[in-house]
PDB file of N, CA and C in Angstrom:
ATOM      1  N   MET A   1      81.045  29.755  83.944  1.00  0.00           N
ATOM      2  CA  MET A   1      81.597  29.904  85.069  1.00  0.00           C
ATOM      3  C   MET A   1      82.854  30.853  85.297  1.00  0.00           C
ATOM      4  N   ASN A   2      82.737  31.819  86.274  1.00  0.00           N
ATOM      5  CA  ASN A   2      83.615  32.945  85.968  1.00  0.00           C
ATOM      6  C   ASN A   2      85.144  32.343  87.220  1.00  0.00           C
ATOM      7  N   LYS A   3      85.885  33.043  87.604  1.00  0.00           N
ATOM      8  CA  LYS A   3      86.988  32.894  88.473  1.00  0.00           C
ATOM      9  C   LYS A   3      86.197  33.016  89.680  1.00  0.00           C
ATOM     10  N   THR A   4      85.753  33.869  90.241  1.00  0.00           N
ATOM     11  CA  THR A   4      85.175  33.533  91.376  1.00  0.00           C
ATOM     12  C   THR A   4      84.429  32.503  91.665  1.00  0.00           C
ATOM     13  N   GLU A   5      83.700  32.042  90.701  1.00  0.00           N
ATOM     14  CA  GLU A   5      82.786  30.941  90.957  1.00  0.00           C
ATOM     15  C   GLU A   5      83.556  29.328  91.051  1.00  0.00           C
ATOM     16  N   LEU A   6      84.634  30.082  90.128  1.00  0.00           N
ATOM     17  CA  LEU A   6      85.308  28.477  90.278  1.00  0.00           C
ATOM     18  C   LEU A   6      86.088  28.344  91.936  1.00  0.00           C
ATOM     19  N   ILE A   7      86.399  29.855  92.322  1.00  0.00           N
ATOM     20  CA  ILE A   7      86.983  29.168  93.702  1.00  0.00           C
ATOM     21  C   ILE A   7      86.092  29.090  94.507  1.00  0.00           C
ATOM     22  N   SER A   8      84.722  29.584  94.512  1.00  0.00           N
ATOM     23  CA  SER A   8      83.928  29.320  95.547  1.00  0.00           C
ATOM     24  C   SER A   8      83.582  28.263  95.356  1.00  0.00           C
ATOM     25  N   ALA A   9      83.420  26.997  94.070  1.00  0.00           N
ATOM     26  CA  ALA A   9      83.291  25.857  94.045  1.00  0.00           C
ATOM     27  C   ALA A   9      84.320  24.681  94.394  1.00  0.00           C
ATOM     28  N   VAL A  10      85.307  25.313  94.037  1.00  0.00           N
ATOM     29  CA  VAL A  10      86.808  24.385  94.474  1.00  0.00           C
ATOM     30  C   VAL A  10      86.600  24.190  96.022  1.00  0.00           C
ATOM     31  N   ALA A  11      86.543  25.593  96.841  1.00  0.00           N
ATOM     32  CA  ALA A  11      86.672  25.931  98.272  1.00  0.00           C
ATOM     33  C   ALA A  11      85.440  24.834  98.950  1.00  0.00           C
ATOM     34  N   GLU A  12      84.355  24.674  98.200  1.00  0.00           N
ATOM     35  CA  GLU A  12      82.982  23.822  98.655  1.00  0.00           C
ATOM     36  C   GLU A  12      83.698  22.610  98.787  1.00  0.00           C
ATOM     37  N   LYS A  13      83.800  21.844  97.584  1.00  0.00           N
ATOM     38  CA  LYS A  13      84.208  20.295  97.444  1.00  0.00           C
ATOM     39  C   LYS A  13      85.391  20.255  97.970  1.00  0.00           C
ATOM     40  N   ALA A  14      86.642  20.891  98.178  1.00  0.00           N
ATOM     41  CA  ALA A  14      87.471  20.783  98.697  1.00  0.00           C
ATOM     42  C   ALA A  14      87.631  20.923 100.520  1.00  0.00           C
ATOM     43  N   GLY A  15      86.408  21.576 100.993  1.00  0.00           N
ATOM     44  CA  GLY A  15      86.579  21.358 102.148  1.00  0.00           C
ATOM     45  C   GLY A  15      87.345  22.672 102.842  1.00  0.00           C
ATOM     46  N   LEU A  16      87.566  23.812 101.923  1.00  0.00           N
ATOM     47  CA  LEU A  16      88.669  24.623 102.384  1.00  0.00           C
ATOM     48  C   LEU A  16      87.863  25.855 102.348  1.00  0.00           C
ATOM     49  N   ALA A  17      89.136  27.219 102.840  1.00  0.00           N
ATOM     50  CA  ALA A  17      88.286  28.452 102.892  1.00  0.00           C
ATOM     51  C   ALA A  17      88.788  29.299 101.280  1.00  0.00           C
ATOM     52  N   LYS A  18      87.467  30.179 101.263  1.00  0.00           N
ATOM     53  CA  LYS A  18      87.895  30.309  99.916  1.00  0.00           C
ATOM     54  C   LYS A  18      89.155  31.292  99.241  1.00  0.00           C
ATOM     55  N   THR A  19      89.913  32.062 100.585  1.00  0.00           N
ATOM     56  CA  THR A  19      91.377  32.446 100.631  1.00  0.00           C
ATOM     57  C   THR A  19      92.053  31.131 100.136  1.00  0.00           C
ATOM     58  N   ASP A  20      92.253  30.045 100.389  1.00  0.00           N
ATOM     59  CA  ASP A  20      93.155  29.025 100.281  1.00  0.00           C
ATOM     60  C   ASP A  20      92.799  28.454  99.115  1.00  0.00           C
ATOM     61  N   ALA A  21      91.445  28.764  98.770  1.00  0.00           N
ATOM     62  CA  ALA A  21      91.159  28.135  97.357  1.00  0.00           C
ATOM     63  C   ALA A  21      92.065  28.539  96.536  1.00  0.00           C
ATOM     64  N   LYS A  22      91.343  30.116  96.582  1.00  0.00           N
ATOM     65  CA  LYS A  22      92.019  30.865  95.622  1.00  0.00           C
ATOM     66  C   LYS A  22      93.547  31.022  95.530  1.00  0.00           C
ATOM     67  N   LYS A  23      94.519  31.331  96.541  1.00  0.00           N
ATOM     68  CA  LYS A  23      95.706  30.616  96.311  1.00  0.00           C
ATOM     69  C   LYS A  23      96.234  29.547  95.361  1.00  0.00           C
ATOM     70  N   ALA A  24      95.775  28.326  96.117  1.00  0.00           N
ATOM     71  CA  ALA A  24      95.456  27.572  95.381  1.00  0.00           C
ATOM     72  C   ALA A  24      95.494  27.272  93.971  1.00  0.00           C
ATOM     73  N   LEU A  25      94.608  28.065  93.447  1.00  0.00           N
ATOM     74  CA  LEU A  25      93.985  28.104  91.713  1.00  0.00           C
ATOM     75  C   LEU A  25      94.984  29.150  91.297  1.00  0.00           C
ATOM     76  N   GLU A  26      95.159  29.842  92.181  1.00  0.00           N
ATOM     77  CA  GLU A  26      96.247  31.143  91.066  1.00  0.00           C
ATOM     78  C   GLU A  26      97.936  30.495  91.045  1.00  0.00           C
ATOM     79  N   ALA A  27      97.764  29.599  92.259  1.00  0.00           N
ATOM     80  CA  ALA A  27      99.233  28.749  92.432  1.00  0.00           C
ATOM     81  C   ALA A  27      99.328  27.894  91.356  1.00  0.00           C
ATOM     82  N   PHE A  28      98.429  26.964  90.550  1.00  0.00           N
ATOM     83  CA  PHE A  28      98.163  26.195  90.002  1.00  0.00           C
ATOM     84  C   PHE A  28      98.321  26.970  88.500  1.00  0.00           C
ATOM     85  N   VAL A  29      97.579  28.380  88.172  1.00  0.00           N
ATOM     86  CA  VAL A  29      97.621  28.835  87.117  1.00  0.00           C
ATOM     87  C   VAL A  29      99.334  30.047  86.816  1.00  0.00           C
ATOM     88  N   GLU A  30     100.052  30.089  87.868  1.00  0.00           N
ATOM     89  CA  GLU A  30     101.275  30.446  87.499  1.00  0.00           C
ATOM     90  C   GLU A  30     101.790  28.974  87.230  1.00  0.00           C
ATOM     91  N   THR A  31     101.871  28.060  87.966  1.00  0.00           N
ATOM     92  CA  THR A  31     102.658  26.923  87.486  1.00  0.00           C
ATOM     93  C   THR A  31     102.593  26.696  86.473  1.00  0.00           C
ATOM     94  N   VAL A  32     101.532  26.260  85.851  1.00  0.00           N
ATOM     95  CA  VAL A  32     100.884  26.058  84.316  1.00  0.00           C
ATOM     96  C   VAL A  32     102.019  27.223  83.193  1.00  0.00           C
ATOM     97  N   SER A  33     101.614  28.403  83.788  1.00  0.00           N
ATOM     98  CA  SER A  33     101.996  29.552  82.625  1.00  0.00           C
ATOM     99  C   SER A  33     103.452  29.815  82.798  1.00  0.00           C
ATOM    100  N   GLU A  34     104.148  29.068  83.893  1.00  0.00           N
ATOM    101  CA  GLU A  34     105.398  29.300  83.837  1.00  0.00           C
ATOM    102  C   GLU A  34     105.974  27.861  82.817  1.00  0.00           C
ATOM    103  N   GLU A  35     105.772  27.028  83.219  1.00  0.00           N
ATOM    104  CA  GLU A  35     105.865  25.809  82.270  1.00  0.00           C
ATOM    105  C   GLU A  35     105.723  26.161  80.958  1.00  0.00           C
ATOM    106  N   LEU A  36     104.556  26.393  80.624  1.00  0.00           N
ATOM    107  CA  LEU A  36     104.334  26.601  79.145  1.00  0.00           C
ATOM    108  C   LEU A  36     105.328  27.817  78.711  1.00  0.00           C
ATOM    109  N   ALA A  37     105.521  28.417  79.503  1.00  0.00           N
ATOM    110  CA  ALA A  37     106.383  29.934  79.441  1.00  0.00           C
ATOM    111  C   ALA A  37     108.012  28.819  78.740  1.00  0.00           C
ATOM    112  N   LYS A  38     108.591  27.683  79.299  1.00  0.00           N
ATOM    113  CA  LYS A  38     109.901  27.043  78.875  1.00  0.00           C
ATOM    114  C   LYS A  38     109.480  26.229  78.260  1.00  0.00           C
ATOM    115  N   GLY A  39     108.139  26.292  77.817  1.00  0.00           N
ATOM    116  CA  GLY A  39     108.350  25.214  76.435  1.00  0.00           C
ATOM    117  C   GLY A  39     108.027  23.586  76.961  1.00  0.00           C
ATOM    118  N   GLU A  40     107.470  23.721  78.369  1.00  0.00           N
ATOM    119  CA  GLU A  40     107.243  22.450  78.993  1.00  0.00           C
ATOM    120  C   GLU A  40     105.874  22.054  78.534  1.00  0.00           C
ATOM    121  N   LYS A  41     105.795  20.652  78.838  1.00  0.00           N
ATOM    122  CA  LYS A  41     104.000  20.011  78.443  1.00  0.00           C
ATOM    123  C   LYS A  41     103.496  19.584  79.901  1.00  0.00           C
ATOM    124  N   ILE A  42     102.128  19.817  79.931  1.00  0.00           N
ATOM    125  CA  ILE A  42     102.108  19.523  81.302  1.00  0.00           C
ATOM    126  C   ILE A  42     100.857  18.510  80.773  1.00  0.00           C
ATOM    127  N   ALA A  43     100.840  17.172  81.780  1.00  0.00           N
ATOM    128  CA  ALA A  43      99.747  16.100  81.328  1.00  0.00           C
ATOM    129  C   ALA A  43      99.379  16.078  82.748  1.00  0.00           C
ATOM    130  N   LEU A  44      98.149  16.057  83.054  1.00  0.00           N
ATOM    131  CA  LEU A  44      97.130  15.580  83.658  1.00  0.00           C
ATOM    132  C   LEU A  44      96.490  14.475  83.718  1.00  0.00           C
ATOM    133  N   ILE A  45      96.753  13.262  83.950  1.00  0.00           N
ATOM    134  CA  ILE A  45      96.441  11.942  83.675  1.00  0.00           C
ATOM    135  C   ILE A  45      94.685  12.159  83.820  1.00  0.00           C
ATOM    136  N   GLY A  46      93.655  11.554  82.796  1.00  0.00           N
ATOM    137  CA  GLY A  46      92.396  11.745  83.481  1.00  0.00           C
ATOM    138  C   GLY A  46      91.751  13.563  82.919  1.00  0.00           C
ATOM    139  N   PHE A  47      92.540  14.471  82.726  1.00  0.00           N
ATOM    140  CA  PHE A  47      91.692  15.276  82.892  1.00  0.00           C
ATOM    141  C   PHE A  47      92.276  15.855  81.354  1.00  0.00           C
ATOM    142  N   GLY A  48      93.386  16.319  81.049  1.00  0.00           N
ATOM    143  CA  GLY A  48      93.905  16.588  79.906  1.00  0.00           C
ATOM    144  C   GLY A  48      95.394  17.147  80.097  1.00  0.00           C
ATOM    145  N   THR A  49      95.962  17.437  78.238  1.00  0.00           N
ATOM    146  CA  THR A  49      97.821  17.464  78.697  1.00  0.00           C
ATOM    147  C   THR A  49      97.240  19.329  77.818  1.00  0.00           C
ATOM    148  N   PHE A  50      98.388  20.434  78.538  1.00  0.00           N
ATOM    149  CA  PHE A  50      98.727  21.403  78.180  1.00  0.00           C
ATOM    150  C   PHE A  50      99.675  21.667  77.513  1.00  0.00           C
ATOM    151  N   ALA A  51      99.460  22.211  76.276  1.00  0.00           N
ATOM    152  CA  ALA A  51     100.962  22.061  75.218  1.00  0.00           C
ATOM    153  C   ALA A  51     101.345  23.300  74.231  1.00  0.00           C
ATOM    154  N   VAL A  52     102.883  23.746  74.234  1.00  0.00           N
ATOM    155  CA  VAL A  52     102.958  24.755  73.410  1.00  0.00           C
ATOM    156  C   VAL A  52     103.307  24.236  71.815  1.00  0.00           C
ATOM    157  N   SER A  53     102.402  24.997  71.091  1.00  0.00           N
ATOM    158  CA  SER A  53     102.223  24.754  69.578  1.00  0.00           C
ATOM    159  C   SER A  53     102.783  25.895  69.189  1.00  0.00           C
ATOM    160  N   GLU A  54     103.828  25.577  67.878  1.00  0.00           N
ATOM    161  CA  GLU A  54     104.315  26.642  66.772  1.00  0.00           C
ATOM    162  C   GLU A  54     103.570  26.649  65.690  1.00  0.00           C
ATOM    163  N   LYS A  55     102.621  28.369  65.626  1.00  0.00           N
ATOM    164  CA  LYS A  55     101.840  28.281  64.266  1.00  0.00           C
ATOM    165  C   LYS A  55     103.277  29.065  63.160  1.00  0.00           C
ATOM    166  N   SER A  56     103.256  28.668  62.286  1.00  0.00           N
ATOM    167  CA  SER A  56     104.024  29.127  61.065  1.00  0.00           C
ATOM    168  C   SER A  56     103.657  30.733  60.613  1.00  0.00           C
ATOM    169  N   ALA A  57     104.364  31.135  60.195  1.00  0.00           N
ATOM    170  CA  ALA A  57     103.914  32.728  59.584  1.00  0.00           C
ATOM    171  C   ALA A  57     103.374  32.625  58.158  1.00  0.00           C
ATOM    172  N   ARG A  58     101.999  32.949  57.850  1.00  0.00           N
ATOM    173  CA  ARG A  58     101.409  32.760  56.856  1.00  0.00           C
ATOM    174  C   ARG A  58     100.938  34.065  56.225  1.00  0.00           C
ATOM    175  N   THR A  59      99.840  33.953  55.010  1.00  0.00           N
ATOM    176  CA  THR A  59      99.714  35.422  54.348  1.00  0.00           C
ATOM    177  C   THR A  59      98.197  35.651  54.807  1.00  0.00           C
ATOM    178  N   GLY A  60      97.343  36.636  54.959  1.00  0.00           N
ATOM    179  CA  GLY A  60      95.965  36.524  54.881  1.00  0.00           C
ATOM    180  C   GLY A  60      95.682  37.795  54.388  1.00  0.00           C
ATOM    181  N   ILE A  61      94.370  38.449  54.699  1.00  0.00           N
ATOM    182  CA  ILE A  61      93.656  39.219  53.953  1.00  0.00           C
ATOM    183  C   ILE A  61      93.231  40.198  54.854  1.00  0.00           C
ATOM    184  N   ASN A  62      93.366  41.591  55.074  1.00  0.00           N
ATOM    185  CA  ASN A  62      93.063  42.073  55.886  1.00  0.00           C
ATOM    186  C   ASN A  62      91.592  42.606  55.319  1.00  0.00           C
ATOM    187  N   PRO A  63      90.538  42.061  55.849  1.00  0.00           N
ATOM    188  CA  PRO A  63      89.160  42.273  55.487  1.00  0.00           C
ATOM    189  C   PRO A  63      88.684  43.663  55.557  1.00  0.00           C
ATOM    190  N   ALA A  64      89.228  44.341  56.103  1.00  0.00           N
ATOM    191  CA  ALA A  64      89.127  46.378  55.779  1.00  0.00           C
ATOM    192  C   ALA A  64      89.483  47.015  54.602  1.00  0.00           C
ATOM    193  N   THR A  65      90.614  46.285  54.137  1.00  0.00           N
ATOM    194  CA  THR A  65      91.184  46.830  53.045  1.00  0.00           C
ATOM    195  C   THR A  65      91.339  45.960  51.878  1.00  0.00           C
ATOM    196  N   LYS A  66      91.160  44.766  51.864  1.00  0.00           N
ATOM    197  CA  LYS A  66      91.092  44.211  51.069  1.00  0.00           C
ATOM    198  C   LYS A  66      92.814  43.334  50.516  1.00  0.00           C
ATOM    199  N   GLN A  67      93.846  43.940  51.138  1.00  0.00           N
ATOM    200  CA  GLN A  67      94.716  43.946  51.293  1.00  0.00           C
ATOM    201  C   GLN A  67      96.393  42.840  51.631  1.00  0.00           C
ATOM    202  N   THR A  68      97.041  42.165  50.993  1.00  0.00           N
ATOM    203  CA  THR A  68      97.428  40.912  51.661  1.00  0.00           C
ATOM    204  C   THR A  68      98.498  41.251  52.475  1.00  0.00           C
ATOM    205  N   ILE A  69      98.097  40.670  53.676  1.00  0.00           N
ATOM    206  CA  ILE A  69      99.521  41.125  54.513  1.00  0.00           C
ATOM    207  C   ILE A  69     100.029  39.579  55.156  1.00  0.00           C
ATOM    208  N   THR A  70     101.222  40.112  55.767  1.00  0.00           N
ATOM    209  CA  THR A  70     102.228  38.839  56.411  1.00  0.00           C
ATOM    210  C   THR A  70     101.515  38.423  57.904  1.00  0.00           C
ATOM    211  N   ILE A  71     101.070  37.113  58.321  1.00  0.00           N
ATOM    212  CA  ILE A  71     100.846  36.892  59.725  1.00  0.00           C
ATOM    213  C   ILE A  71     101.990  35.848  60.096  1.00  0.00           C
ATOM    214  N   PRO A  72     102.977  37.189  61.571  1.00  0.00           N
ATOM    215  CA  PRO A  72     103.969  36.629  61.694  1.00  0.00           C
ATOM    216  C   PRO A  72     104.019  34.941  62.542  1.00  0.00           C
ATOM    217  N   ALA A  73     104.671  33.855  62.763  1.00  0.00           N
ATOM    218  CA  ALA A  73     104.981  32.578  63.427  1.00  0.00           C
ATOM    219  C   ALA A  73     104.748  33.211  64.850  1.00  0.00           C
ATOM    220  N   LYS A  74     104.027  32.661  65.487  1.00  0.00           N
ATOM    221  CA  LYS A  74     103.764  32.416  66.513  1.00  0.00           C
ATOM    222  C   LYS A  74     103.570  31.274  67.466  1.00  0.00           C
ATOM    223  N   LYS A  75     103.751  31.097  69.649  1.00  0.00           N
ATOM    224  CA  LYS A  75     103.102  30.122  69.852  1.00  0.00           C
ATOM    225  C   LYS A  75     102.321  30.451  70.384  1.00  0.00           C
ATOM    226  N   VAL A  76     101.684  28.960  70.566  1.00  0.00           N
ATOM    227  CA  VAL A  76     100.138  28.987  70.751  1.00  0.00           C
ATOM    228  C   VAL A  76      99.922  27.940  71.796  1.00  0.00           C
ATOM    229  N   VAL A  77      99.394  28.290  73.130  1.00  0.00           N
ATOM    230  CA  VAL A  77      98.650  26.983  73.781  1.00  0.00           C
ATOM    231  C   VAL A  77      97.662  26.277  73.489  1.00  0.00           C
ATOM    232  N   LYS A  78      97.835  25.001  73.526  1.00  0.00           N
ATOM    233  CA  LYS A  78      96.699  23.832  73.435  1.00  0.00           C
ATOM    234  C   LYS A  78      96.491  23.386  74.552  1.00  0.00           C
ATOM    235  N   PHE A  79      94.948  22.832  74.752  1.00  0.00           N
ATOM    236  CA  PHE A  79      94.861  21.846  75.482  1.00  0.00           C
ATOM    237  C   PHE A  79      94.315  20.490  74.975  1.00  0.00           C
ATOM    238  N   LYS A  80      94.469  19.466  75.268  1.00  0.00           N
ATOM    239  CA  LYS A  80      93.760  18.508  74.552  1.00  0.00           C
ATOM    240  C   LYS A  80      92.905  17.539  76.263  1.00  0.00           C
ATOM    241  N   ALA A  81      91.792  16.919  75.873  1.00  0.00           N
ATOM    242  CA  ALA A  81      91.007  16.545  76.830  1.00  0.00           C
ATOM    243  C   ALA A  81      91.329  15.300  76.886  1.00  0.00           C
ATOM    244  N   GLY A  82      91.537  14.945  78.411  1.00  0.00           N
ATOM    245  CA  GLY A  82      92.112  13.759  78.719  1.00  0.00           C
ATOM    246  C   GLY A  82      90.729  12.213  78.009  1.00  0.00           C
ATOM    247  N   ALA A  83      90.917  11.088  78.480  1.00  0.00           N
ATOM    248  CA  ALA A  83      89.674  10.150  78.267  1.00  0.00           C
ATOM    249  C   ALA A  83      88.298  10.736  79.171  1.00  0.00           C
ATOM    250  N   GLU A  84      88.852  10.465  80.289  1.00  0.00           N
ATOM    251  CA  GLU A  84      87.788  10.913  81.313  1.00  0.00           C
ATOM    252  C   GLU A  84      87.096  12.079  81.417  1.00  0.00           C
ATOM    253  N   LEU A  85      87.533  13.021  81.120  1.00  0.00           N
ATOM    254  CA  LEU A  85      87.121  14.334  80.896  1.00  0.00           C
ATOM    255  C   LEU A  85      85.869  13.802  79.568  1.00  0.00           C
ATOM    256  N   ALA A  86      86.672  13.874  78.195  1.00  0.00           N
ATOM    257  CA  ALA A  86      85.833  13.955  77.348  1.00  0.00           C
ATOM    258  C   ALA A  86      84.150  12.939  77.355  1.00  0.00           C
ATOM    259  N   ASP A  87      84.675  11.821  78.596  1.00  0.00           N
ATOM    260  CA  ASP A  87      83.818  11.034  78.414  1.00  0.00           C
ATOM    261  C   ASP A  87      82.581  11.677  79.002  1.00  0.00           C
ATOM    262  N   LYS A  88      83.023  12.538  80.255  1.00  0.00           N
ATOM    263  CA  LYS A  88      82.024  12.980  81.082  1.00  0.00           C
ATOM    264  C   LYS A  88      80.878  14.169  80.446  1.00  0.00           C
ATOM    265  N   VAL A  89      81.925  14.842  79.721  1.00  0.00           N
ATOM    266  CA  VAL A  89      81.118  16.099  78.667  1.00  0.00           C
ATOM    267  C   VAL A  89      80.116  15.214  77.216  1.00  0.00           C
ATOM    268  N   LYS A  90      80.772  13.737  77.219  1.00  0.00           N
ATOM    269  CA  LYS A  90      79.533  13.190  76.132  1.00  0.00           C
ATOM    270  C   LYS A  90      77.992  13.666  76.412  1.00  0.00           C
TER     271      LYS A  90
END
């Protein structure tokens, strides 16, 4: 499912116009992005939790040249599914 299909599905289930569903989805994505950028965690009970995790610097190998390279530390976004979502997927 892509973004357009998601907007259509949300609009249909919520009884909203597609433009309103699009605004709601974009507001959700923007809010989640802003909070994660601040290092906050977002927990949606029954759905899951979005959080920021830090990966430490490490060494790797460039597959083209076989040379050892240093992969810098970085922050990554993680999502952990909640119990209700995990049960629905089973």
